[in-house]
Amino acid sequence: MRDQQRLDSGAVSSPKDLENLQRELVSLAKRQGDLEDVVLEVMERRESLQERVAELSGRVASVQAKVDDATARRDAAFEQIDSEVATVTKQREVASATIPADLLKLYEKLRVQSGGVGAARLYQRRCEGCQLELNITEVNEVRAAAPDAVVRCENCRRILVRTSESGL
């Protein structure tokens, strides 16, 4: 601006200085235009990035809401499970008080050995512990056993619980 005023006022004495000053003004104007283009490009990129940040922030909020919902459902399920465990534990204590000590000891031993299941239902001649069908000899032995006798599966050694659906 100052150089343009010098040029306009005629304060430049020699033609060579005048030519140099004009070239410098053209060069500065070109440089200013280039810098303005860069500023515009940076502003456009900034605007685009701000839009992207807003979009991603919305997505993060959506995911966080889903996480919060899943956490709340998980916590509610844990509470329900804990309640069921407490109820079943009380029922088990009541039921185990009516079972003879030697049978309870056998059951506990088998339960530890068999991955948590010490007794299995005999359903249509199949042990539901190992999922194998008893052969005819085993079925006849179970049939011949007294109703209060403890019978065990020959395959998995679990205690067999006989019901009306045992297929005997």
C-alpha atoms as a PDB file:
ATOM      1  CA  MET A   1       0.000   0.000   0.000  1.00  0.00           C
ATOM      2  CA  ARG A   2       2.794   2.370   0.920  1.00  0.00           C
ATOM      3  CA  ASP A   3       4.652   1.457  -2.304  1.00  0.00           C
ATOM      4  CA  GLN A   4       1.475   2.041  -4.330  1.00  0.00           C
ATOM      5  CA  GLN A   5       1.137   5.512  -2.775  1.00  0.00           C
ATOM      6  CA  ARG A   6       4.775   6.310  -3.680  1.00  0.00           C
ATOM      7  CA  LEU A   7       4.098   5.173  -7.229  1.00  0.00           C
ATOM      8  CA  ASP A   8       0.876   7.199  -7.508  1.00  0.00           C
ATOM      9  CA  SER A   9       2.414  10.348  -6.026  1.00  0.00           C
ATOM     10  CA  GLY A  10       5.259  10.330  -8.514  1.00  0.00           C
ATOM     11  CA  ALA A  11       7.838  10.335  -5.720  1.00  0.00           C
ATOM     12  CA  VAL A  12       9.922   7.812  -7.628  1.00  0.00           C
ATOM     13  CA  SER A  13      12.568   9.694  -9.561  1.00  0.00           C
ATOM     14  CA  SER A  14      14.200   7.282 -11.947  1.00  0.00           C
ATOM     15  CA  PRO A  15      12.419   5.063 -14.493  1.00  0.00           C
ATOM     16  CA  LYS A  16      14.447   2.098 -13.280  1.00  0.00           C
ATOM     17  CA  ASP A  17      13.163   2.597  -9.709  1.00  0.00           C
ATOM     18  CA  LEU A  18       9.690   3.016 -11.115  1.00  0.00           C
ATOM     19  CA  GLU A  19       9.954  -0.256 -13.046  1.00  0.00           C
ATOM     20  CA  ASN A  20      11.353  -2.107 -10.011  1.00  0.00           C
ATOM     21  CA  LEU A  21       8.613  -0.714  -7.810  1.00  0.00           C
ATOM     22  CA  GLN A  22       5.933  -1.799 -10.328  1.00  0.00           C
ATOM     23  CA  ARG A  23       7.419  -5.324 -10.526  1.00  0.00           C
ATOM     24  CA  GLU A  24       7.531  -5.510  -6.752  1.00  0.00           C
ATOM     25  CA  LEU A  25       3.886  -4.413  -6.511  1.00  0.00           C
ATOM     26  CA  VAL A  26       2.854  -7.047  -9.078  1.00  0.00           C
ATOM     27  CA  SER A  27       4.858  -9.688  -7.221  1.00  0.00           C
ATOM     28  CA  LEU A  28       3.347  -8.670  -3.883  1.00  0.00           C
ATOM     29  CA  ALA A  29      -0.165  -8.666  -5.332  1.00  0.00           C
ATOM     30  CA  LYS A  30       0.403 -12.169  -6.742  1.00  0.00           C
ATOM     31  CA  ARG A  31       1.807 -13.338  -3.410  1.00  0.00           C
ATOM     32  CA  GLN A  32      -1.160 -11.794  -1.594  1.00  0.00           C
ATOM     33  CA  GLY A  33      -3.567 -13.586  -3.953  1.00  0.00           C
ATOM     34  CA  ASP A  34      -1.771 -16.881  -3.415  1.00  0.00           C
ATOM     35  CA  LEU A  35      -1.907 -16.442   0.354  1.00  0.00           C
ATOM     36  CA  GLU A  36      -5.596 -15.554   0.214  1.00  0.00           C
ATOM     37  CA  ASP A  37      -6.219 -18.748  -1.787  1.00  0.00           C
ATOM     38  CA  VAL A  38      -4.341 -20.757   0.847  1.00  0.00           C
ATOM     39  CA  VAL A  39      -6.370 -19.110   3.613  1.00  0.00           C
ATOM     40  CA  LEU A  40      -9.613 -19.932   1.795  1.00  0.00           C
ATOM     41  CA  GLU A  41      -8.507 -23.535   1.290  1.00  0.00           C
ATOM     42  CA  VAL A  42      -7.569 -23.846   4.965  1.00  0.00           C
ATOM     43  CA  MET A  43     -10.917 -22.369   5.990  1.00  0.00           C
ATOM     44  CA  GLU A  44     -12.769 -24.841   3.741  1.00  0.00           C
ATOM     45  CA  ARG A  45     -10.781 -27.742   5.178  1.00  0.00           C
ATOM     46  CA  ARG A  46     -11.447 -26.473   8.688  1.00  0.00           C
ATOM     47  CA  GLU A  47     -15.179 -26.278   7.981  1.00  0.00           C
ATOM     48  CA  SER A  48     -15.147 -29.784   6.513  1.00  0.00           C
ATOM     49  CA  LEU A  49     -13.231 -31.102   9.521  1.00  0.00           C
ATOM     50  CA  GLN A  50     -15.614 -29.380  11.925  1.00  0.00           C
ATOM     51  CA  GLU A  51     -18.518 -31.112  10.185  1.00  0.00           C
ATOM     52  CA  ARG A  52     -16.676 -34.429  10.453  1.00  0.00           C
ATOM     53  CA  VAL A  53     -15.994 -33.809  14.164  1.00  0.00           C
ATOM     54  CA  ALA A  54     -19.679 -33.076  14.717  1.00  0.00           C
ATOM     55  CA  GLU A  55     -20.653 -36.258  12.855  1.00  0.00           C
ATOM     56  CA  LEU A  56     -18.168 -38.383  14.795  1.00  0.00           C
ATOM     57  CA  SER A  57     -19.200 -36.785  18.082  1.00  0.00           C
ATOM     58  CA  GLY A  58     -22.785 -37.781  17.320  1.00  0.00           C
ATOM     59  CA  ARG A  59     -21.691 -41.319  16.539  1.00  0.00           C
ATOM     60  CA  VAL A  60     -19.666 -41.484  19.756  1.00  0.00           C
ATOM     61  CA  ALA A  61     -22.695 -40.291  21.715  1.00  0.00           C
ATOM     62  CA  SER A  62     -24.856 -42.935  20.016  1.00  0.00           C
ATOM     63  CA  VAL A  63     -22.351 -45.693  20.780  1.00  0.00           C
ATOM     64  CA  GLN A  64     -22.008 -44.466  24.362  1.00  0.00           C
ATOM     65  CA  ALA A  65     -25.792 -44.594  24.754  1.00  0.00           C
ATOM     66  CA  LYS A  66     -25.761 -48.187  23.499  1.00  0.00           C
ATOM     67  CA  VAL A  67     -22.926 -49.053  25.890  1.00  0.00           C
ATOM     68  CA  ASP A  68     -24.812 -47.462  28.782  1.00  0.00           C
ATOM     69  CA  ASP A  69     -27.960 -49.397  27.844  1.00  0.00           C
ATOM     70  CA  ALA A  70     -26.037 -52.679  27.558  1.00  0.00           C
ATOM     71  CA  THR A  71     -24.327 -52.015  30.890  1.00  0.00           C
ATOM     72  CA  ALA A  72     -27.670 -51.342  32.564  1.00  0.00           C
ATOM     73  CA  ARG A  73     -29.161 -54.528  31.082  1.00  0.00           C
ATOM     74  CA  ARG A  74     -26.079 -56.512  32.142  1.00  0.00           C
ATOM     75  CA  ASP A  75     -26.288 -55.144  35.685  1.00  0.00           C
ATOM     76  CA  ALA A  76     -30.006 -55.984  35.851  1.00  0.00           C
ATOM     77  CA  ALA A  77     -29.256 -59.507  34.588  1.00  0.00           C
ATOM     78  CA  PHE A  78     -26.521 -59.895  37.233  1.00  0.00           C
ATOM     79  CA  GLU A  79     -28.990 -58.826  39.914  1.00  0.00           C
ATOM     80  CA  GLN A  80     -31.547 -61.325  38.651  1.00  0.00           C
ATOM     81  CA  ILE A  81     -28.939 -64.090  38.488  1.00  0.00           C
ATOM     82  CA  ASP A  82     -27.720 -63.298  41.997  1.00  0.00           C
ATOM     83  CA  SER A  83     -31.300 -63.410  43.236  1.00  0.00           C
ATOM     84  CA  GLU A  84     -31.897 -66.761  41.510  1.00  0.00           C
ATOM     85  CA  VAL A  85     -28.646 -68.139  42.934  1.00  0.00           C
ATOM     86  CA  ALA A  86     -29.714 -67.127  46.429  1.00  0.00           C
ATOM     87  CA  THR A  87     -33.149 -68.718  45.963  1.00  0.00           C
ATOM     88  CA  VAL A  88     -31.756 -71.941  44.504  1.00  0.00           C
ATOM     89  CA  THR A  89     -29.084 -72.122  47.212  1.00  0.00           C
ATOM     90  CA  LYS A  90     -31.771 -71.905  49.904  1.00  0.00           C
ATOM     91  CA  GLN A  91     -33.875 -74.548  48.114  1.00  0.00           C
ATOM     92  CA  ARG A  92     -30.809 -76.770  47.806  1.00  0.00           C
ATOM     93  CA  GLU A  93     -30.044 -76.441  51.516  1.00  0.00           C
ATOM     94  CA  VAL A  94     -33.619 -77.413  52.391  1.00  0.00           C
ATOM     95  CA  ALA A  95     -33.596 -80.351  49.968  1.00  0.00           C
ATOM     96  CA  SER A  96     -30.154 -81.588  51.020  1.00  0.00           C
ATOM     97  CA  ALA A  97     -31.297 -81.729  54.648  1.00  0.00           C
ATOM     98  CA  THR A  98     -33.717 -84.529  53.655  1.00  0.00           C
ATOM     99  CA  ILE A  99     -31.106 -86.606  51.782  1.00  0.00           C
ATOM    100  CA  PRO A 100     -29.041 -89.244  53.624  1.00  0.00           C
ATOM    101  CA  ALA A 101     -25.492 -88.082  54.339  1.00  0.00           C
ATOM    102  CA  ASP A 102     -23.788 -90.933  52.455  1.00  0.00           C
ATOM    103  CA  LEU A 103     -25.857 -90.268  49.303  1.00  0.00           C
ATOM    104  CA  LEU A 104     -25.155 -86.532  49.545  1.00  0.00           C
ATOM    105  CA  LYS A 105     -21.432 -87.247  49.901  1.00  0.00           C
ATOM    106  CA  LEU A 106     -21.528 -89.506  46.807  1.00  0.00           C
ATOM    107  CA  TYR A 107     -23.437 -86.861  44.852  1.00  0.00           C
ATOM    108  CA  GLU A 108     -20.946 -84.120  45.794  1.00  0.00           C
ATOM    109  CA  LYS A 109     -18.018 -86.350  44.807  1.00  0.00           C
ATOM    110  CA  LEU A 110     -19.612 -87.156  41.436  1.00  0.00           C
ATOM    111  CA  ARG A 111     -20.533 -83.516  40.896  1.00  0.00           C
ATOM    112  CA  VAL A 112     -16.912 -82.445  41.290  1.00  0.00           C
ATOM    113  CA  GLN A 113     -15.695 -85.215  38.982  1.00  0.00           C
ATOM    114  CA  SER A 114     -18.365 -84.637  36.326  1.00  0.00           C
ATOM    115  CA  GLY A 115     -18.077 -80.910  35.785  1.00  0.00           C
ATOM    116  CA  GLY A 116     -20.830 -79.829  38.164  1.00  0.00           C
ATOM    117  CA  VAL A 117     -23.479 -82.469  37.391  1.00  0.00           C
ATOM    118  CA  GLY A 118     -23.548 -85.412  39.793  1.00  0.00           C
ATOM    119  CA  ALA A 119     -26.975 -86.776  38.865  1.00  0.00           C
ATOM    120  CA  ALA A 120     -28.784 -87.024  35.560  1.00  0.00           C
ATOM    121  CA  ARG A 121     -32.315 -87.889  34.532  1.00  0.00           C
ATOM    122  CA  LEU A 122     -32.905 -91.225  32.825  1.00  0.00           C
ATOM    123  CA  TYR A 123     -35.167 -90.241  29.937  1.00  0.00           C
ATOM    124  CA  GLN A 124     -36.416 -92.847  27.461  1.00  0.00           C
ATOM    125  CA  ARG A 125     -33.537 -95.188  28.369  1.00  0.00           C
ATOM    126  CA  ARG A 126     -30.976 -92.413  27.751  1.00  0.00           C
ATOM    127  CA  CYS A 127     -28.743 -90.889  30.429  1.00  0.00           C
ATOM    128  CA  GLU A 128     -29.053 -87.119  30.100  1.00  0.00           C
ATOM    129  CA  GLY A 129     -25.616 -86.727  31.687  1.00  0.00           C
ATOM    130  CA  CYS A 130     -23.562 -88.449  28.979  1.00  0.00           C
ATOM    131  CA  GLN A 131     -26.363 -88.575  26.374  1.00  0.00           C
ATOM    132  CA  LEU A 132     -25.814 -92.305  25.781  1.00  0.00           C
ATOM    133  CA  GLU A 133     -28.598 -94.864  25.641  1.00  0.00           C
ATOM    134  CA  LEU A 134     -28.407 -97.670  28.158  1.00  0.00           C
ATOM    135  CA  ASN A 135     -28.099-101.143  26.664  1.00  0.00           C
ATOM    136  CA  ILE A 136     -30.762-103.748  27.409  1.00  0.00           C
ATOM    137  CA  THR A 137     -28.752-105.321  30.244  1.00  0.00           C
ATOM    138  CA  GLU A 138     -28.374-101.976  32.008  1.00  0.00           C
ATOM    139  CA  VAL A 139     -32.058-101.206  31.502  1.00  0.00           C
ATOM    140  CA  ASN A 140     -33.011-104.574  33.045  1.00  0.00           C
ATOM    141  CA  GLU A 141     -30.722-103.901  36.040  1.00  0.00           C
ATOM    142  CA  VAL A 142     -32.296-100.481  36.592  1.00  0.00           C
ATOM    143  CA  ARG A 143     -35.780-102.005  36.223  1.00  0.00           C
ATOM    144  CA  ALA A 144     -34.953-104.708  38.791  1.00  0.00           C
ATOM    145  CA  ALA A 145     -33.507-102.223  41.318  1.00  0.00           C
ATOM    146  CA  ALA A 146     -35.660-101.161  44.237  1.00  0.00           C
ATOM    147  CA  PRO A 147     -37.380 -97.772  43.815  1.00  0.00           C
ATOM    148  CA  ASP A 148     -35.246 -96.245  46.575  1.00  0.00           C
ATOM    149  CA  ALA A 149     -31.975 -97.850  45.379  1.00  0.00           C
ATOM    150  CA  VAL A 150     -29.244 -95.604  43.988  1.00  0.00           C
ATOM    151  CA  VAL A 151     -28.518 -96.576  40.397  1.00  0.00           C
ATOM    152  CA  ARG A 152     -25.679 -95.161  38.348  1.00  0.00           C
ATOM    153  CA  CYS A 153     -24.932 -94.850  34.663  1.00  0.00           C
ATOM    154  CA  GLU A 154     -22.296 -97.360  33.575  1.00  0.00           C
ATOM    155  CA  ASN A 155     -20.834 -94.855  31.101  1.00  0.00           C
ATOM    156  CA  CYS A 156     -20.480 -91.572  33.037  1.00  0.00           C
ATOM    157  CA  ARG A 157     -20.991 -92.957  36.574  1.00  0.00           C
ATOM    158  CA  ARG A 158     -23.555 -90.268  37.446  1.00  0.00           C
ATOM    159  CA  ILE A 159     -26.512 -91.077  39.666  1.00  0.00           C
ATOM    160  CA  LEU A 160     -29.539 -91.830  37.487  1.00  0.00           C
ATOM    161  CA  VAL A 161     -32.792 -90.169  38.471  1.00  0.00           C
ATOM    162  CA  ARG A 162     -35.687 -92.369  37.408  1.00  0.00           C
ATOM    163  CA  THR A 163     -39.029 -90.853  36.423  1.00  0.00           C
ATOM    164  CA  SER A 164     -42.156 -92.029  34.704  1.00  0.00           C
ATOM    165  CA  GLU A 165     -40.501 -90.996  31.399  1.00  0.00           C
ATOM    166  CA  SER A 166     -37.444 -93.196  31.939  1.00  0.00           C
ATOM    167  CA  GLY A 167     -38.671 -95.818  29.488  1.00  0.00           C
ATOM    168  CA  LEU A 168     -38.417 -98.712  31.931  1.00  0.00           C
END
